[in-house]
Amino acid sequence: MIWSPMRVRPLSPKPSATARATPIPCKAFPDWLINKLDINRRCLTMRVRFWYSLIFLIPIFILTIILMMISLMSPTAGATTTGPTVTPAPITSQNVELIKQMGGSAFAVSAQGNNVYLGNGPSLIVLDVSDPAQPVQIG
């Protein structure tokens, strides 16, 4: 007999609770249906594997990108100073007096000829010190 989806089977009585369930024999379904179920099962497991791999790979990828960005923003080993630090000698003379103050703290000082260059915060001040008692700001 050829299997047909339109075939109506008579209702059978429900099995009792003590009846043992028997597996459906393979001949109960046509071959093409069994093969189709097998293909769908394989595709489903491949999809599940794909999504599981994405669930684990995406956080690892994001963590790798974050670590690379942190390592690029951190200073390299060659940029750090490892030499001795220069500390100014303490002033021992008692006759030092403040003549004039310009701005706040001087972070960088350089002298060339009669000019003194002061790094004062975000600005650069150029002083003419040909007369040390009266320095004149020229730039």
Foldseek 3Di string as FASTA:
>chain_A
DDDDPPDDDDDDDDDDPPDDDDDDDPVVDDPVVVVVVVVVVVVVVVVVVVVVCCVVVVVVVVVVVVVVVVVVPDDDPVPDDDDDDDDDDDDDDPPDDDQDDDADDFPDWDDDDQWIWTDHPPDIWIWGCPPVNDIDTDD
